[in-house]
């Protein structure tokens, strides 16, 4: 047993500490603020009696309060995992998890009891084993979107979305980072990254004001090690409990943590799937405008956490653990700096009849290009205020000329604004008329944003079959629309043809997508991932 560990921790590693059968040996997981003991059926979490920044677990009363808060807050997302807060007693120099018969026993700490899950189900483990899939990230994106939709918001919570409060958190973050200059962060990285975020919030105060209703009681610590599969269902756990300001945040700041964590692990493709799923489900495409600063802040936080852990970790493999955390900290700080670098945005304009494979091509391209994929079907339903799963083709149809005009206008506005912030944006709609395509291309030219047109086609019989067999998609298109769409489709003009790439979606898409990505790479318009 490691003598460097506190006496209580050493006692909790002994099987007879627990009032139930345990799986031996009891495993210890340690972070910079807590100890977690894995006993088989149950896991027990004890907060370290520490204080720094906005975290204060120094007193027994504080630890009792925040254990209860952790139980309450995490039951929002994973009620099956979070069971109870249990007192830890001391009597005659010994520690007990259940009340000893001696009435003189005193409570010396508290343990949060949780249902233990197989650590192989952690998203971090699945990623390391090559088992984390795009389907997992789609499910996670939908789960987070549903949670954010019902997460509490009120005027008190929204005070944390002001410029002043954000700058205060930001400044604390970079002040903490100063302690690690020369160790895990360079002076130049620190200065440039700090200057970028300070200027970003100054320049975009109007965005913060417009997003007050997006400041909600979120998770606050949404990364790969806090998501798992339990009984084949995604569970999100271990939210921020010690500081409301770190949890009362813009929903897109919550999302940014997972995106950043996947980027850190060189899986930008999965990050892109998660982000696009979330944005489509919520319709909060404007949130992506804030991501450069939020991603950088998240990476800086992880750099700080790893630096602190390297300084404070107390285990038998101290030297190897310390080296690993310092290396991780360096990589997080480097990533934070990378997010601040300017990028050339661009717009990819999908075009083609219903069923022609536009969304299929767009979905396959987006992860390779780190592109924001915006479908007209989703935009139309968000504008109409109906669920993506609900049909909009009934008696009160949302497919009127007026709604179509609103939908394309919204697509164009989103495409231009996001591309101006350095995103590659895929606008996924029929774009069957010259006027609709011109509206985007003229605005893009004025903003010096490159545009590519991707025309998808397949034989009409194939289109009809696809539409007849389509299941579980948000599109309401049916086969009877095809003839009318064919008649309405306007040929590409001489101005458009140099920007045009055709995809025959009844053939193997792999070579076509590879060829297009190589072409884009040569134009230096986008950075492939």
Protein backbone atom coordinates (compact mmCIF):
# COMPACT_ATOMS: atom_id res chain seq x y z
CA UNK A 1 0.00 0.00 0.00
CA UNK A 2 1.30 3.47 -0.90
CA UNK A 3 2.39 5.22 2.31
CA UNK A 4 2.15 8.59 0.54
CA UNK A 5 -1.63 8.30 0.45
CA UNK A 6 -3.73 9.75 3.32
CA UNK A 7 -4.70 7.32 6.08
CA UNK A 8 -8.40 7.39 5.13
CA UNK A 9 -7.57 6.56 1.52
CA UNK A 10 -5.37 3.66 2.61
CA UNK A 11 -8.22 2.35 4.78
CA UNK A 12 -10.72 2.61 1.90
CA UNK A 13 -8.46 0.40 -0.19
CA UNK A 14 -9.05 -2.43 2.29
CA UNK A 15 -11.99 -4.75 1.45
CA UNK A 16 -13.29 -4.92 5.03
CA UNK A 17 -13.97 -1.17 5.02
CA UNK A 18 -17.16 -1.80 3.03
CA UNK A 19 -20.42 -3.27 4.40
CA UNK A 20 -20.87 -5.45 1.31
CA UNK A 21 -18.82 -7.93 -0.73
CA UNK A 22 -16.12 -6.31 -2.85
CA UNK A 23 -14.03 -7.29 -5.82
CA UNK A 24 -10.38 -7.35 -4.77
CA UNK A 25 -8.15 -5.57 -5.00
CA UNK A 26 -10.08 -2.33 -4.55
CA UNK A 27 -8.96 -0.04 -7.36
CA UNK A 28 -8.10 3.61 -6.81
CA UNK A 29 -8.59 6.34 -9.40
CA UNK A 30 -7.11 9.70 -8.45
CA UNK A 31 -7.69 13.19 -9.84
CA UNK A 32 -6.41 16.53 -8.58
CA UNK A 33 -9.58 16.97 -6.47
CA UNK A 34 -10.90 13.51 -5.59
CA UNK A 35 -10.32 9.81 -4.97
CA UNK A 36 -12.56 7.17 -6.54
CA UNK A 37 -12.65 3.60 -5.22
CA UNK A 38 -13.91 0.77 -7.43
CA UNK A 39 -15.28 -2.12 -5.39
CA UNK A 40 -17.20 -4.21 -7.90
CA UNK A 41 -20.91 -3.33 -7.75
CA UNK A 42 -20.34 0.15 -6.34
CA UNK A 43 -17.91 3.02 -6.73
CA UNK A 44 -17.23 5.53 -3.94
CA UNK A 45 -15.97 9.05 -4.50
CA UNK A 46 -14.32 11.12 -1.76
CA UNK A 47 -13.39 14.75 -2.27
CA UNK A 48 -9.87 15.83 -1.37
CA UNK A 49 -9.75 18.43 1.45
CA UNK A 50 -8.24 21.06 -0.78
CA UNK A 51 -8.81 24.65 -1.86
CA UNK A 52 -7.70 26.57 -4.93
CA UNK A 53 -9.35 29.13 -7.15
CA UNK A 54 -13.13 28.79 -6.94
CA UNK A 55 -12.95 25.27 -5.52
CA UNK A 56 -13.16 24.88 -1.74
CA UNK A 57 -13.41 21.40 -0.21
CA UNK A 58 -11.29 22.36 2.78
CA UNK A 59 -13.96 21.90 5.47
CA UNK A 60 -16.14 18.92 6.32
CA UNK A 61 -19.23 21.09 5.85
CA UNK A 62 -18.14 22.08 2.35
CA UNK A 63 -17.47 18.49 1.35
CA UNK A 64 -20.86 17.40 2.71
CA UNK A 65 -22.62 20.16 0.75
CA UNK A 66 -20.85 19.50 -2.51
CA UNK A 67 -21.37 15.74 -2.26
CA UNK A 68 -25.10 16.42 -2.08
CA UNK A 69 -24.81 18.86 -4.99
CA UNK A 70 -22.94 16.29 -7.05
CA UNK A 71 -25.69 13.76 -6.38
CA UNK A 72 -28.48 16.19 -7.28
CA UNK A 73 -26.87 17.61 -10.41
CA UNK A 74 -25.70 14.34 -11.92
CA UNK A 75 -29.06 12.69 -11.47
CA UNK A 76 -30.27 15.03 -14.23
CA UNK A 77 -28.30 13.06 -16.81
CA UNK A 78 -27.58 9.66 -15.23
CA UNK A 79 -29.99 8.90 -12.37
CA UNK A 80 -29.24 5.18 -12.58
CA UNK A 81 -25.58 5.73 -11.68
CA UNK A 82 -25.89 8.13 -8.72
CA UNK A 83 -27.23 6.44 -5.58
CA UNK A 84 -26.52 8.20 -2.26
CA UNK A 85 -24.20 10.28 -0.08
CA UNK A 86 -22.86 8.23 2.86
CA UNK A 87 -21.03 9.50 5.98
CA UNK A 88 -17.64 8.07 6.93
CA UNK A 89 -17.15 7.55 10.66
CA UNK A 90 -14.06 7.39 12.86
CA UNK A 91 -13.86 5.48 16.13
CA UNK A 92 -10.81 4.47 18.13
CA UNK A 93 -8.57 5.56 15.28
CA UNK A 94 -10.42 3.42 12.74
CA UNK A 95 -12.62 4.44 9.80
CA UNK A 96 -16.03 2.92 9.00
CA UNK A 97 -18.54 3.34 6.19
CA UNK A 98 -21.45 2.26 8.35
CA UNK A 99 -22.23 3.49 11.86
CA UNK A 100 -20.25 1.60 14.53
CA UNK A 101 -22.10 0.65 17.69
CA UNK A 102 -20.08 3.14 19.75
CA UNK A 103 -22.09 6.42 20.03
CA UNK A 104 -18.87 8.40 20.37
CA UNK A 105 -18.06 7.84 16.70
CA UNK A 106 -17.74 11.04 14.67
CA UNK A 107 -18.34 11.81 11.03
CA UNK A 108 -15.02 12.73 9.43
CA UNK A 109 -15.92 12.73 5.74
CA UNK A 110 -18.49 11.77 3.12
CA UNK A 111 -18.49 9.38 0.18
CA UNK A 112 -20.69 9.59 -2.88
CA UNK A 113 -21.95 6.11 -3.70
CA UNK A 114 -22.43 5.31 -7.37
CA UNK A 115 -23.30 2.27 -9.43
CA UNK A 116 -20.02 1.00 -10.78
CA UNK A 117 -19.83 0.48 -14.52
CA UNK A 118 -17.28 -1.38 -16.58
CA UNK A 119 -14.40 1.01 -17.21
CA UNK A 120 -14.16 -0.49 -20.70
CA UNK A 121 -17.41 1.40 -21.42
CA UNK A 122 -15.80 4.81 -20.93
CA UNK A 123 -15.70 6.79 -24.16
CA UNK A 124 -12.01 7.44 -23.48
CA UNK A 125 -11.38 3.69 -23.37
CA UNK A 126 -13.52 3.01 -26.44
CA UNK A 127 -11.53 5.66 -28.30
CA UNK A 128 -8.20 4.12 -27.29
CA UNK A 129 -9.42 0.71 -28.44
CA UNK A 130 -10.65 2.05 -31.78
CA UNK A 131 -14.24 1.22 -30.83
CA UNK A 132 -15.72 4.72 -30.55
CA UNK A 133 -17.89 5.24 -33.64
CA UNK A 134 -19.72 7.99 -35.47
CA UNK A 135 -22.97 6.39 -34.27
CA UNK A 136 -21.84 6.88 -30.66
CA UNK A 137 -21.16 10.54 -31.34
CA UNK A 138 -24.53 11.01 -33.03
CA UNK A 139 -26.27 9.53 -29.99
CA UNK A 140 -24.22 11.73 -27.68
CA UNK A 141 -24.99 14.84 -29.73
CA UNK A 142 -28.71 14.09 -29.51
CA UNK A 143 -28.50 13.40 -25.75
CA UNK A 144 -26.69 16.66 -25.04
CA UNK A 145 -29.15 18.57 -27.24
CA UNK A 146 -32.12 17.13 -25.31
CA UNK A 147 -30.47 17.96 -21.99
CA UNK A 148 -29.73 21.55 -22.98
CA UNK A 149 -33.31 22.02 -24.18
CA UNK A 150 -34.62 21.42 -20.64
CA UNK A 151 -31.66 22.69 -18.61
CA UNK A 152 -32.65 25.45 -16.20
CA UNK A 153 -32.15 29.09 -17.07
CA UNK A 154 -33.20 32.25 -15.24
CA UNK A 155 -31.94 35.83 -14.80
CA UNK A 156 -29.50 34.77 -12.07
CA UNK A 157 -28.00 32.02 -14.22
CA UNK A 158 -27.83 34.38 -17.20
CA UNK A 159 -25.64 36.85 -15.32
CA UNK A 160 -22.81 34.43 -16.05
CA UNK A 161 -23.15 35.10 -19.77
CA UNK A 162 -22.20 38.77 -19.63
CA UNK A 163 -18.96 40.14 -21.04
CA UNK A 164 -17.75 41.03 -17.54
CA UNK A 165 -18.34 37.59 -16.04
CA UNK A 166 -16.78 35.83 -19.03
CA UNK A 167 -13.73 38.08 -18.89
CA UNK A 168 -13.36 37.36 -15.17
CA UNK A 169 -13.36 33.61 -15.73
CA UNK A 170 -11.05 34.02 -18.69
CA UNK A 171 -8.60 36.11 -16.68
CA UNK A 172 -8.56 33.61 -13.82
CA UNK A 173 -7.84 30.88 -16.33
CA UNK A 174 -4.83 32.65 -17.83
CA UNK A 175 -3.55 33.85 -14.46
CA UNK A 176 -3.46 30.24 -13.30
CA UNK A 177 -1.61 29.29 -16.49
CA UNK A 178 1.19 31.74 -15.66
CA UNK A 179 2.41 29.38 -12.95
CA UNK A 180 3.33 26.85 -15.65
CA UNK A 181 5.22 29.13 -18.02
CA UNK A 182 8.43 27.43 -19.03
CA UNK A 183 7.19 24.07 -17.79
CA UNK A 184 4.18 23.21 -19.96
CA UNK A 185 3.49 26.52 -21.71
CA UNK A 186 5.70 28.99 -23.54
CA UNK A 187 5.54 32.72 -22.92
CA UNK A 188 4.71 33.33 -26.60
CA UNK A 189 1.84 30.81 -26.62
CA UNK A 190 0.42 32.28 -23.44
CA UNK A 191 0.56 35.87 -24.68
CA UNK A 192 -0.93 35.15 -28.10
CA UNK A 193 -3.69 32.89 -26.80
CA UNK A 194 -4.67 35.29 -24.02
CA UNK A 195 -4.64 38.26 -26.41
CA UNK A 196 -6.87 36.40 -28.87
CA UNK A 197 -9.60 35.54 -26.35
CA UNK A 198 -9.56 39.02 -24.81
CA UNK A 199 -9.97 40.62 -28.22
CA UNK A 200 -12.57 38.06 -29.34
CA UNK A 201 -14.98 38.88 -26.51
CA UNK A 202 -14.44 42.61 -26.93
CA UNK A 203 -15.20 42.40 -30.65
CA UNK A 204 -18.29 40.20 -30.25
CA UNK A 205 -20.14 41.61 -27.27
CA UNK A 206 -23.29 41.72 -29.40
CA UNK A 207 -23.18 37.94 -29.82
CA UNK A 208 -23.03 37.49 -26.05
CA UNK A 209 -26.03 39.78 -25.57
CA UNK A 210 -28.03 37.86 -28.16
CA UNK A 211 -27.33 34.54 -26.45
CA UNK A 212 -28.58 35.23 -22.93
CA UNK A 213 -31.25 32.53 -23.23
CA UNK A 214 -28.49 30.07 -24.13
CA UNK A 215 -26.85 30.51 -20.71
CA UNK A 216 -28.11 27.47 -18.82
CA UNK A 217 -27.31 25.16 -15.93
CA UNK A 218 -25.13 22.85 -18.03
CA UNK A 219 -22.78 19.97 -17.33
CA UNK A 220 -19.58 22.01 -17.40
CA UNK A 221 -17.09 19.13 -17.75
CA UNK A 222 -18.21 17.27 -20.87
CA UNK A 223 -15.22 15.26 -22.05
CA UNK A 224 -14.48 11.67 -23.04
CA UNK A 225 -13.70 10.46 -19.53
CA UNK A 226 -17.09 11.64 -18.28
CA UNK A 227 -19.23 9.69 -20.75
CA UNK A 228 -19.78 5.93 -20.75
CA UNK A 229 -21.94 3.13 -22.04
CA UNK A 230 -23.94 1.51 -19.23
CA UNK A 231 -26.39 -1.24 -20.13
CA UNK A 232 -26.01 -0.18 -23.78
CA UNK A 233 -27.12 3.39 -23.04
CA UNK A 234 -25.03 6.54 -23.03
CA UNK A 235 -24.52 8.01 -19.56
CA UNK A 236 -23.05 11.47 -18.98
CA UNK A 237 -21.68 11.86 -15.46
CA UNK A 238 -19.38 13.86 -13.14
CA UNK A 239 -20.60 17.37 -13.94
CA UNK A 240 -19.12 20.46 -12.28
CA UNK A 241 -20.56 20.73 -8.77
CA UNK A 242 -18.08 22.97 -6.96
CA UNK A 243 -18.64 26.22 -8.87
CA UNK A 244 -21.90 27.44 -10.37
CA UNK A 245 -20.07 29.91 -12.60
CA UNK A 246 -18.30 27.01 -14.34
CA UNK A 247 -21.64 25.26 -14.91
CA UNK A 248 -23.88 28.25 -15.68
CA UNK A 249 -22.53 28.70 -19.18
CA UNK A 250 -23.45 29.04 -22.82
CA UNK A 251 -24.62 25.68 -24.11
CA UNK A 252 -22.07 25.86 -26.93
CA UNK A 253 -19.30 26.22 -24.33
CA UNK A 254 -20.52 22.90 -22.89
CA UNK A 255 -20.35 21.36 -26.37
CA UNK A 256 -16.88 22.84 -26.95
CA UNK A 257 -15.31 20.62 -24.30
CA UNK A 258 -16.16 17.39 -26.12
CA UNK A 259 -15.13 18.83 -29.49
CA UNK A 260 -11.80 19.95 -28.03
CA UNK A 261 -11.18 16.63 -26.31
CA UNK A 262 -11.68 14.70 -29.53
CA UNK A 263 -9.43 17.14 -31.38
CA UNK A 264 -6.78 16.56 -28.70
CA UNK A 265 -6.97 12.84 -29.37
CA UNK A 266 -6.66 13.45 -33.13
CA UNK A 267 -10.24 12.42 -33.87
CA UNK A 268 -11.53 15.59 -35.42
CA UNK A 269 -13.78 13.42 -37.59
CA UNK A 270 -15.74 12.24 -34.52
CA UNK A 271 -15.76 15.76 -33.11
CA UNK A 272 -17.32 16.96 -36.34
CA UNK A 273 -20.05 14.31 -36.25
CA UNK A 274 -20.87 15.22 -32.64
CA UNK A 275 -20.96 18.94 -33.39
CA UNK A 276 -23.07 18.65 -36.54
CA UNK A 277 -25.55 16.33 -34.82
CA UNK A 278 -25.94 18.79 -31.96
CA UNK A 279 -26.29 21.83 -34.23
CA UNK A 280 -28.89 20.17 -36.44
CA UNK A 281 -30.92 18.95 -33.46
CA UNK A 282 -30.92 22.37 -31.76
CA UNK A 283 -30.77 24.70 -34.76
CA UNK A 284 -28.16 26.70 -32.81
CA UNK A 285 -25.81 27.20 -35.75
CA UNK A 286 -24.83 30.67 -34.52
CA UNK A 287 -23.24 28.96 -31.55
CA UNK A 288 -20.44 27.76 -33.82
CA UNK A 289 -19.41 31.39 -34.30
CA UNK A 290 -18.13 31.43 -30.72
CA UNK A 291 -16.28 28.12 -30.91
CA UNK A 292 -12.76 29.44 -31.72
CA UNK A 293 -12.58 31.24 -28.37
CA UNK A 294 -14.47 28.60 -26.40
CA UNK A 295 -12.36 25.75 -27.80
CA UNK A 296 -9.18 27.62 -26.93
CA UNK A 297 -10.43 28.26 -23.39
CA UNK A 298 -11.34 24.60 -22.93
CA UNK A 299 -7.91 23.45 -24.08
CA UNK A 300 -6.26 25.94 -21.71
CA UNK A 301 -8.34 24.61 -18.81
CA UNK A 302 -7.22 21.06 -19.54
CA UNK A 303 -3.64 22.28 -19.75
CA UNK A 304 -4.04 23.79 -16.30
CA UNK A 305 -5.68 20.67 -14.86
CA UNK A 306 -2.91 18.41 -16.17
CA UNK A 307 -0.26 20.80 -14.87
CA UNK A 308 -1.87 20.85 -11.42
CA UNK A 309 -2.17 17.07 -11.41
CA UNK A 310 1.49 16.71 -12.35
CA UNK A 311 2.45 18.85 -9.37
CA UNK A 312 0.15 17.21 -6.83
CA UNK A 313 -0.24 13.57 -7.81
CA UNK A 314 0.74 11.13 -5.05
CA UNK A 315 0.96 7.52 -6.24
CA UNK A 316 3.62 4.84 -6.38
CA UNK A 317 4.22 5.50 -10.10
CA UNK A 318 4.78 9.17 -9.36
CA UNK A 319 7.52 9.85 -11.89
CA UNK A 320 5.86 8.23 -14.90
CA UNK A 321 2.48 9.81 -14.05
CA UNK A 322 4.04 13.21 -13.59
CA UNK A 323 5.83 12.99 -16.94
CA UNK A 324 2.61 11.97 -18.70
CA UNK A 325 0.60 14.85 -17.22
CA UNK A 326 3.26 17.41 -18.08
CA UNK A 327 3.33 16.14 -21.67
CA UNK A 328 -0.46 16.27 -21.89
CA UNK A 329 -0.43 19.80 -20.52
CA UNK A 330 2.03 20.90 -23.21
CA UNK A 331 -0.18 19.41 -25.92
CA UNK A 332 -3.33 21.03 -24.54
CA UNK A 333 -1.69 24.44 -24.40
CA UNK A 334 -0.41 23.98 -27.96
CA UNK A 335 -3.96 23.10 -29.07
CA UNK A 336 -5.33 26.18 -27.31
CA UNK A 337 -2.91 28.27 -29.34
CA UNK A 338 -3.79 26.43 -32.56
CA UNK A 339 -7.48 27.34 -32.19
CA UNK A 340 -6.60 31.03 -32.26
CA UNK A 341 -5.05 30.86 -35.73
CA UNK A 342 -7.04 32.36 -38.58
CA UNK A 343 -8.54 30.08 -41.23
CA UNK A 344 -9.96 30.67 -44.70
CA UNK A 345 -13.64 29.85 -44.73
CA UNK A 346 -15.50 28.54 -47.73
CA UNK A 347 -18.99 27.50 -48.82
CA UNK A 348 -19.90 24.25 -50.54
CA UNK A 349 -23.30 24.57 -52.22
CA UNK A 350 -25.07 21.24 -52.65
CA UNK A 351 -27.48 20.96 -55.56
CA UNK A 352 -29.72 18.26 -56.97
CA UNK A 353 -33.17 16.71 -56.91
CA UNK A 354 -34.68 15.07 -53.84
CA UNK A 355 -33.09 11.66 -53.29
CA UNK A 356 -30.03 12.51 -55.38
CA UNK A 357 -27.67 11.88 -52.45
CA UNK A 358 -26.89 15.48 -51.46
CA UNK A 359 -27.02 14.76 -47.74
CA UNK A 360 -25.08 11.53 -48.13
CA UNK A 361 -22.26 13.32 -49.93
CA UNK A 362 -22.37 16.22 -47.45
CA UNK A 363 -22.28 13.89 -44.43
CA UNK A 364 -19.28 12.03 -45.81
CA UNK A 365 -17.42 15.21 -46.71
CA UNK A 366 -18.05 17.15 -43.49
CA UNK A 367 -15.76 15.12 -41.18
CA UNK A 368 -12.89 15.26 -43.69
CA UNK A 369 -13.21 19.03 -44.11
CA UNK A 370 -14.25 19.88 -40.54
CA UNK A 371 -17.29 21.50 -42.12
CA UNK A 372 -20.54 22.73 -40.64
CA UNK A 373 -23.27 20.81 -42.47
CA UNK A 374 -26.59 22.68 -42.66
CA UNK A 375 -29.60 20.91 -44.18
CA UNK A 376 -32.51 22.92 -45.55
CA UNK A 377 -34.94 20.31 -44.16
CA UNK A 378 -33.71 21.04 -40.62
CA UNK A 379 -33.63 24.81 -41.11
CA UNK A 380 -37.18 24.82 -42.50
CA UNK A 381 -38.55 22.90 -39.51
CA UNK A 382 -36.67 25.01 -37.00
CA UNK A 383 -38.12 28.15 -38.63
CA UNK A 384 -41.60 26.61 -38.43
CA UNK A 385 -41.10 25.69 -34.78
CA UNK A 386 -41.79 21.98 -35.26
CA UNK A 387 -39.77 18.91 -34.29
CA UNK A 388 -37.34 17.50 -36.83
CA UNK A 389 -39.19 14.19 -36.48
CA UNK A 390 -42.54 15.78 -37.32
CA UNK A 391 -43.85 15.95 -40.86
CA UNK A 392 -44.34 19.42 -42.25
CA UNK A 393 -46.20 18.28 -45.36
CA UNK A 394 -49.68 18.03 -43.86
CA UNK A 395 -52.67 20.37 -44.15
CA UNK A 396 -50.69 23.25 -42.64
CA UNK A 397 -47.79 22.68 -45.00
CA UNK A 398 -44.47 24.40 -44.33
CA UNK A 399 -43.53 23.96 -48.00
CA UNK A 400 -45.03 27.24 -49.21
CA UNK A 401 -43.11 29.64 -51.48
CA UNK A 402 -42.83 32.10 -48.59
CA UNK A 403 -41.35 29.49 -46.24
CA UNK A 404 -39.02 28.28 -48.98
CA UNK A 405 -37.74 31.82 -49.44
CA UNK A 406 -37.20 32.19 -45.67
CA UNK A 407 -35.37 28.87 -45.58
CA UNK A 408 -32.94 29.77 -48.35
CA UNK A 409 -32.39 33.22 -46.90
CA UNK A 410 -31.54 31.66 -43.54
CA UNK A 411 -29.19 29.16 -45.21
CA UNK A 412 -27.35 31.97 -46.98
CA UNK A 413 -27.03 34.11 -43.86
CA UNK A 414 -25.66 31.21 -41.84
CA UNK A 415 -23.26 30.18 -44.60
CA UNK A 416 -21.77 33.66 -44.97
CA UNK A 417 -21.45 34.38 -41.24
CA UNK A 418 -19.86 31.02 -40.43
CA UNK A 419 -17.50 31.13 -43.42
CA UNK A 420 -16.38 34.61 -42.35
CA UNK A 421 -15.28 33.04 -39.05
CA UNK A 422 -13.14 30.51 -40.92
CA UNK A 423 -15.54 27.58 -41.18
CA UNK A 424 -16.09 25.48 -44.25
CA UNK A 425 -19.89 25.39 -44.55
CA UNK A 426 -21.91 22.88 -46.55
CA UNK A 427 -25.32 24.30 -47.50
CA UNK A 428 -27.40 21.23 -48.23
CA UNK A 429 -30.51 22.04 -50.31
CA UNK A 430 -31.82 21.55 -53.86
CA UNK A 431 -30.49 24.93 -55.02
CA UNK A 432 -32.36 24.20 -58.22
CA UNK A 433 -32.73 27.79 -59.40
CA UNK A 434 -30.12 30.23 -60.62
CA UNK A 435 -31.49 33.00 -58.40
CA UNK A 436 -31.09 30.92 -55.23
CA UNK A 437 -27.52 30.04 -56.13
CA UNK A 438 -26.70 33.62 -57.13
CA UNK A 439 -27.92 34.97 -53.79
CA UNK A 440 -25.20 32.99 -52.03
CA UNK A 441 -22.48 33.48 -54.63
CA UNK A 442 -22.90 37.26 -54.82
CA UNK A 443 -22.75 37.65 -51.03
CA UNK A 444 -19.80 35.28 -50.85
CA UNK A 445 -17.90 37.23 -53.51
CA UNK A 446 -18.44 40.47 -51.62
CA UNK A 447 -17.09 38.79 -48.47
CA UNK A 448 -14.20 37.18 -50.42
CA UNK A 449 -15.41 33.69 -49.56
CA UNK A 450 -14.71 30.90 -52.10
CA UNK A 451 -17.73 28.90 -53.28
CA UNK A 452 -17.92 25.43 -54.80
CA UNK A 453 -21.09 23.88 -56.25
CA UNK A 454 -21.56 20.13 -55.76
CA UNK A 455 -24.24 18.72 -58.07
CA UNK A 456 -25.54 15.25 -57.20
CA UNK A 457 -27.41 13.08 -59.67
CA UNK A 458 -28.67 9.55 -60.26
CA UNK A 459 -31.15 7.95 -62.68
CA UNK A 460 -34.76 8.91 -61.97
CA UNK A 461 -35.70 5.32 -61.23
CA UNK A 462 -33.01 5.25 -58.55
CA UNK A 463 -34.24 8.55 -57.08
CA UNK A 464 -37.78 7.23 -56.94
CA UNK A 465 -36.67 4.04 -55.20
CA UNK A 466 -34.64 5.96 -52.63
CA UNK A 467 -37.53 8.23 -51.74
CA UNK A 468 -39.98 5.32 -51.49
CA UNK A 469 -37.64 3.42 -49.15
CA UNK A 470 -36.43 6.37 -47.08
CA UNK A 471 -36.88 5.78 -43.34
CA UNK A 472 -35.94 7.79 -40.27
CA UNK A 473 -34.90 10.93 -42.17
CA UNK A 474 -36.07 14.46 -41.45
CA UNK A 475 -36.88 15.09 -45.12
CA UNK A 476 -40.54 14.93 -46.15
CA UNK A 477 -39.83 14.54 -49.89
CA UNK A 478 -41.87 11.90 -51.72
CA UNK A 479 -41.50 10.31 -55.22
CA UNK A 480 -44.43 12.26 -56.68
CA UNK A 481 -42.38 15.49 -56.40
CA UNK A 482 -39.69 14.38 -58.82
CA UNK A 483 -41.35 15.32 -62.11
CA UNK A 484 -42.13 18.82 -60.89
CA UNK A 485 -38.59 19.23 -59.55
CA UNK A 486 -37.13 18.13 -62.88
CA UNK A 487 -39.21 20.71 -64.72
CA UNK A 488 -38.22 23.49 -62.31
CA UNK A 489 -34.48 22.77 -62.22
CA UNK A 490 -32.53 25.52 -64.00
CA UNK A 491 -29.24 24.61 -65.73
CA UNK A 492 -25.94 25.94 -64.42
CA UNK A 493 -24.75 29.15 -66.00
CA UNK A 494 -21.41 29.86 -67.61
CA UNK A 495 -20.40 31.69 -64.43
CA UNK A 496 -21.29 28.69 -62.26
CA UNK A 497 -19.71 25.92 -64.33
CA UNK A 498 -16.07 26.64 -63.34
CA UNK A 499 -17.12 26.14 -59.70
CA UNK A 500 -19.09 22.95 -60.41
CA UNK A 501 -18.25 19.40 -59.36
CA UNK A 502 -20.62 16.57 -60.27
CA UNK A 503 -21.22 13.46 -58.14
CA UNK A 504 -22.85 10.42 -59.71
CA UNK A 505 -24.32 8.95 -56.52
CA UNK A 506 -25.41 5.68 -58.14
CA UNK A 507 -21.71 4.89 -58.48
CA UNK A 508 -18.97 4.36 -55.89
CA UNK A 509 -18.65 7.63 -54.01
CA UNK A 510 -15.25 6.86 -52.48
CA UNK A 511 -13.05 7.79 -55.47
CA UNK A 512 -15.23 10.82 -56.25
CA UNK A 513 -14.94 12.16 -52.69
CA UNK A 514 -11.20 11.52 -52.59
CA UNK A 515 -10.71 13.37 -55.86
CA UNK A 516 -12.73 16.34 -54.65
CA UNK A 517 -10.86 16.54 -51.34
CA UNK A 518 -7.54 16.51 -53.20
CA UNK A 519 -8.78 19.32 -55.40
CA UNK A 520 -9.78 21.38 -52.36
CA UNK A 521 -6.41 20.76 -50.71
CA UNK A 522 -4.68 22.19 -53.78
CA UNK A 523 -6.79 25.35 -53.63
CA UNK A 524 -5.58 26.00 -50.04
CA UNK A 525 -9.14 27.01 -49.20
CA UNK A 526 -9.61 24.49 -46.40
CA UNK A 527 -7.54 22.48 -43.96
CA UNK A 528 -8.36 18.79 -44.23
CA UNK A 529 -8.43 16.73 -41.02
